[in-house]
Amino acid sequence: MLLNAQRAQLNLADDEVARLRDACDSRLEVTQGFVWVTVDGDRNDVVLGAGESYLIDSRDVVTVSAIRGAASLRVRANAGASQCRQAAAVRGTAPSRFQQMLAGISLSSVAVA
């Protein structure tokens, strides 16, 4: 996994799950495989394949799962979901919202019978 202040690269094994907290205004870009995207509190899950993307416009936790094999995706900050924007924090005094989101990523694997 590659993480920096503006983007992350997630490589998920088959059935591996990543939970993204405070990811509002980020874009998920699938570069390989298929992922299932679930936003807490939203009934409309999304399945994306390589070359497809999803703009996160919610402040709720986002769960991304690799399905039907391994998957790779990029997470890019400041993707243009204007309803998510907040006043910018003073630089150097606190981590950015994206850095906080990256710190909140948790990965887990699940077995599907």
C-alpha atoms as a PDB file:
ATOM      1  CA  MET A   1       0.000   0.000   0.000  1.00  0.00           C
ATOM      2  CA  LEU A   2       1.373   3.407  -1.009  1.00  0.00           C
ATOM      3  CA  LEU A   3       0.197   6.362   1.065  1.00  0.00           C
ATOM      4  CA  ASN A   4       0.968  10.064   0.756  1.00  0.00           C
ATOM      5  CA  ALA A   5      -0.803  13.346   1.410  1.00  0.00           C
ATOM      6  CA  GLN A   6      -2.911  13.307  -1.762  1.00  0.00           C
ATOM      7  CA  ARG A   7      -3.336   9.665  -2.831  1.00  0.00           C
ATOM      8  CA  ALA A   8      -3.141   6.068  -1.718  1.00  0.00           C
ATOM      9  CA  GLN A   9      -2.673   2.830  -3.627  1.00  0.00           C
ATOM     10  CA  LEU A  10      -4.546  -0.125  -2.115  1.00  0.00           C
ATOM     11  CA  ASN A  11      -3.808  -3.679  -3.222  1.00  0.00           C
ATOM     12  CA  LEU A  12      -6.458  -6.016  -1.866  1.00  0.00           C
ATOM     13  CA  ALA A  13      -6.324  -9.813  -1.927  1.00  0.00           C
ATOM     14  CA  ASP A  14      -9.461 -11.760  -2.859  1.00  0.00           C
ATOM     15  CA  ASP A  15     -12.150 -11.032  -0.227  1.00  0.00           C
ATOM     16  CA  GLU A  16      -9.905  -8.527   1.586  1.00  0.00           C
ATOM     17  CA  VAL A  17     -11.735  -5.514   2.986  1.00  0.00           C
ATOM     18  CA  ALA A  18     -10.608  -1.903   3.532  1.00  0.00           C
ATOM     19  CA  ARG A  19     -12.653   0.523   5.659  1.00  0.00           C
ATOM     20  CA  LEU A  20     -12.133   4.207   4.898  1.00  0.00           C
ATOM     21  CA  ARG A  21     -13.099   6.778   7.506  1.00  0.00           C
ATOM     22  CA  ASP A  22     -13.489  10.462   6.654  1.00  0.00           C
ATOM     23  CA  ALA A  23     -12.939   9.804   2.943  1.00  0.00           C
ATOM     24  CA  CYS A  24     -15.469  12.391   1.768  1.00  0.00           C
ATOM     25  CA  ASP A  25     -14.339  14.229  -1.392  1.00  0.00           C
ATOM     26  CA  SER A  26     -12.061  11.354  -2.428  1.00  0.00           C
ATOM     27  CA  ARG A  27     -12.258   9.313  -5.626  1.00  0.00           C
ATOM     28  CA  LEU A  28     -11.748   5.554  -5.771  1.00  0.00           C
ATOM     29  CA  GLU A  29     -10.175   4.491  -9.087  1.00  0.00           C
ATOM     30  CA  VAL A  30     -10.029   0.752  -9.781  1.00  0.00           C
ATOM     31  CA  THR A  31      -6.869  -0.161 -11.693  1.00  0.00           C
ATOM     32  CA  GLN A  32      -7.190  -3.950 -11.570  1.00  0.00           C
ATOM     33  CA  GLY A  33      -9.917  -6.453 -10.695  1.00  0.00           C
ATOM     34  CA  PHE A  34     -13.326  -5.786  -9.169  1.00  0.00           C
ATOM     35  CA  VAL A  35     -14.340  -4.052  -5.936  1.00  0.00           C
ATOM     36  CA  TRP A  36     -17.604  -3.786  -4.039  1.00  0.00           C
ATOM     37  CA  VAL A  37     -18.137  -0.363  -2.451  1.00  0.00           C
ATOM     38  CA  THR A  38     -20.513   0.091   0.483  1.00  0.00           C
ATOM     39  CA  VAL A  39     -21.200   3.413   2.204  1.00  0.00           C
ATOM     40  CA  ASP A  40     -22.604   3.007   5.714  1.00  0.00           C
ATOM     41  CA  GLY A  41     -26.256   4.050   5.773  1.00  0.00           C
ATOM     42  CA  ASP A  42     -26.633   3.945   1.970  1.00  0.00           C
ATOM     43  CA  ARG A  43     -28.703   1.146   0.413  1.00  0.00           C
ATOM     44  CA  ASN A  44     -27.033   1.498  -2.996  1.00  0.00           C
ATOM     45  CA  ASP A  45     -23.845  -0.563  -3.058  1.00  0.00           C
ATOM     46  CA  VAL A  46     -21.631  -0.221  -6.131  1.00  0.00           C
ATOM     47  CA  VAL A  47     -19.493  -2.780  -7.956  1.00  0.00           C
ATOM     48  CA  LEU A  48     -16.620  -1.336  -9.970  1.00  0.00           C
ATOM     49  CA  GLY A  49     -14.226  -2.936 -12.446  1.00  0.00           C
ATOM     50  CA  ALA A  50     -10.851  -1.864 -13.788  1.00  0.00           C
ATOM     51  CA  GLY A  51     -11.054   1.592 -15.342  1.00  0.00           C
ATOM     52  CA  GLU A  52     -14.108   2.646 -13.340  1.00  0.00           C
ATOM     53  CA  SER A  53     -14.221   5.135 -10.480  1.00  0.00           C
ATOM     54  CA  TYR A  54     -16.481   6.291  -7.655  1.00  0.00           C
ATOM     55  CA  LEU A  55     -16.665   9.741  -6.037  1.00  0.00           C
ATOM     56  CA  ILE A  56     -17.197   9.580  -2.282  1.00  0.00           C
ATOM     57  CA  ASP A  57     -19.644  12.326  -1.346  1.00  0.00           C
ATOM     58  CA  SER A  58     -20.538  11.087   2.133  1.00  0.00           C
ATOM     59  CA  ARG A  59     -18.921  11.503   5.530  1.00  0.00           C
ATOM     60  CA  ASP A  60     -19.959   7.950   6.499  1.00  0.00           C
ATOM     61  CA  VAL A  61     -17.511   5.034   6.624  1.00  0.00           C
ATOM     62  CA  VAL A  62     -16.839   3.475   3.206  1.00  0.00           C
ATOM     63  CA  THR A  63     -16.090  -0.244   2.943  1.00  0.00           C
ATOM     64  CA  VAL A  64     -14.247  -1.500  -0.139  1.00  0.00           C
ATOM     65  CA  SER A  65     -13.998  -5.251  -0.786  1.00  0.00           C
ATOM     66  CA  ALA A  66     -12.058  -7.092  -3.471  1.00  0.00           C
ATOM     67  CA  ILE A  67     -14.350  -9.578  -5.194  1.00  0.00           C
ATOM     68  CA  ARG A  68     -13.710 -12.385  -7.672  1.00  0.00           C
ATOM     69  CA  GLY A  69      -9.938 -12.152  -7.127  1.00  0.00           C
ATOM     70  CA  ALA A  70      -7.399  -9.554  -6.096  1.00  0.00           C
ATOM     71  CA  ALA A  71      -7.979  -5.881  -6.870  1.00  0.00           C
ATOM     72  CA  SER A  72      -5.971  -2.664  -6.921  1.00  0.00           C
ATOM     73  CA  LEU A  73      -7.306   0.836  -6.577  1.00  0.00           C
ATOM     74  CA  ARG A  74      -6.163   4.395  -6.084  1.00  0.00           C
ATOM     75  CA  VAL A  75      -7.730   6.735  -3.562  1.00  0.00           C
ATOM     76  CA  ARG A  76      -7.318  10.390  -4.583  1.00  0.00           C
ATOM     77  CA  ALA A  77      -8.072  13.366  -2.329  1.00  0.00           C
ATOM     78  CA  ASN A  78      -9.880  16.568  -3.287  1.00  0.00           C
ATOM     79  CA  ALA A  79     -11.835  14.990  -6.127  1.00  0.00           C
ATOM     80  CA  GLY A  80     -14.556  17.621  -6.355  1.00  0.00           C
ATOM     81  CA  ALA A  81     -17.460  16.562  -4.137  1.00  0.00           C
ATOM     82  CA  SER A  82     -18.225  20.163  -3.198  1.00  0.00           C
ATOM     83  CA  GLN A  83     -20.905  19.249  -0.646  1.00  0.00           C
ATOM     84  CA  CYS A  84     -18.160  17.598   1.466  1.00  0.00           C
ATOM     85  CA  ARG A  85     -15.742  20.466   1.562  1.00  0.00           C
ATOM     86  CA  GLN A  86     -14.850  22.101   4.855  1.00  0.00           C
ATOM     87  CA  ALA A  87     -12.834  25.178   5.660  1.00  0.00           C
ATOM     88  CA  ALA A  88      -9.165  24.334   5.275  1.00  0.00           C
ATOM     89  CA  ALA A  89      -7.269  23.767   8.505  1.00  0.00           C
ATOM     90  CA  VAL A  90      -4.280  25.957   9.179  1.00  0.00           C
ATOM     91  CA  ARG A  91      -1.321  24.157   7.615  1.00  0.00           C
ATOM     92  CA  GLY A  92       1.145  22.603   9.993  1.00  0.00           C
ATOM     93  CA  THR A  93      -1.136  22.639  13.021  1.00  0.00           C
ATOM     94  CA  ALA A  94      -3.180  19.497  12.370  1.00  0.00           C
ATOM     95  CA  PRO A  95      -3.199  16.564   9.957  1.00  0.00           C
ATOM     96  CA  SER A  96      -5.238  17.132   6.823  1.00  0.00           C
ATOM     97  CA  ARG A  97      -8.597  15.437   6.475  1.00  0.00           C
ATOM     98  CA  PHE A  98      -7.070  13.064   3.884  1.00  0.00           C
ATOM     99  CA  GLN A  99      -4.182  12.187   6.216  1.00  0.00           C
ATOM    100  CA  GLN A 100      -6.743  11.446   8.935  1.00  0.00           C
ATOM    101  CA  MET A 101      -8.635   9.210   6.492  1.00  0.00           C
ATOM    102  CA  LEU A 102      -5.432   7.342   5.582  1.00  0.00           C
ATOM    103  CA  ALA A 103      -4.690   6.816   9.263  1.00  0.00           C
ATOM    104  CA  GLY A 104      -8.167   5.341   9.639  1.00  0.00           C
ATOM    105  CA  ILE A 105      -7.815   2.661   6.931  1.00  0.00           C
ATOM    106  CA  SER A 106      -8.184  -0.807   8.313  1.00  0.00           C
ATOM    107  CA  LEU A 107      -7.770  -3.992   6.306  1.00  0.00           C
ATOM    108  CA  SER A 108      -9.188  -7.409   7.010  1.00  0.00           C
ATOM    109  CA  SER A 109      -9.773 -10.648   5.162  1.00  0.00           C
ATOM    110  CA  VAL A 110     -12.983 -12.594   5.236  1.00  0.00           C
ATOM    111  CA  ALA A 111     -13.745 -16.144   4.230  1.00  0.00           C
ATOM    112  CA  VAL A 112     -16.758 -16.699   2.023  1.00  0.00           C
ATOM    113  CA  ALA A 113     -18.312 -20.166   2.195  1.00  0.00           C
END
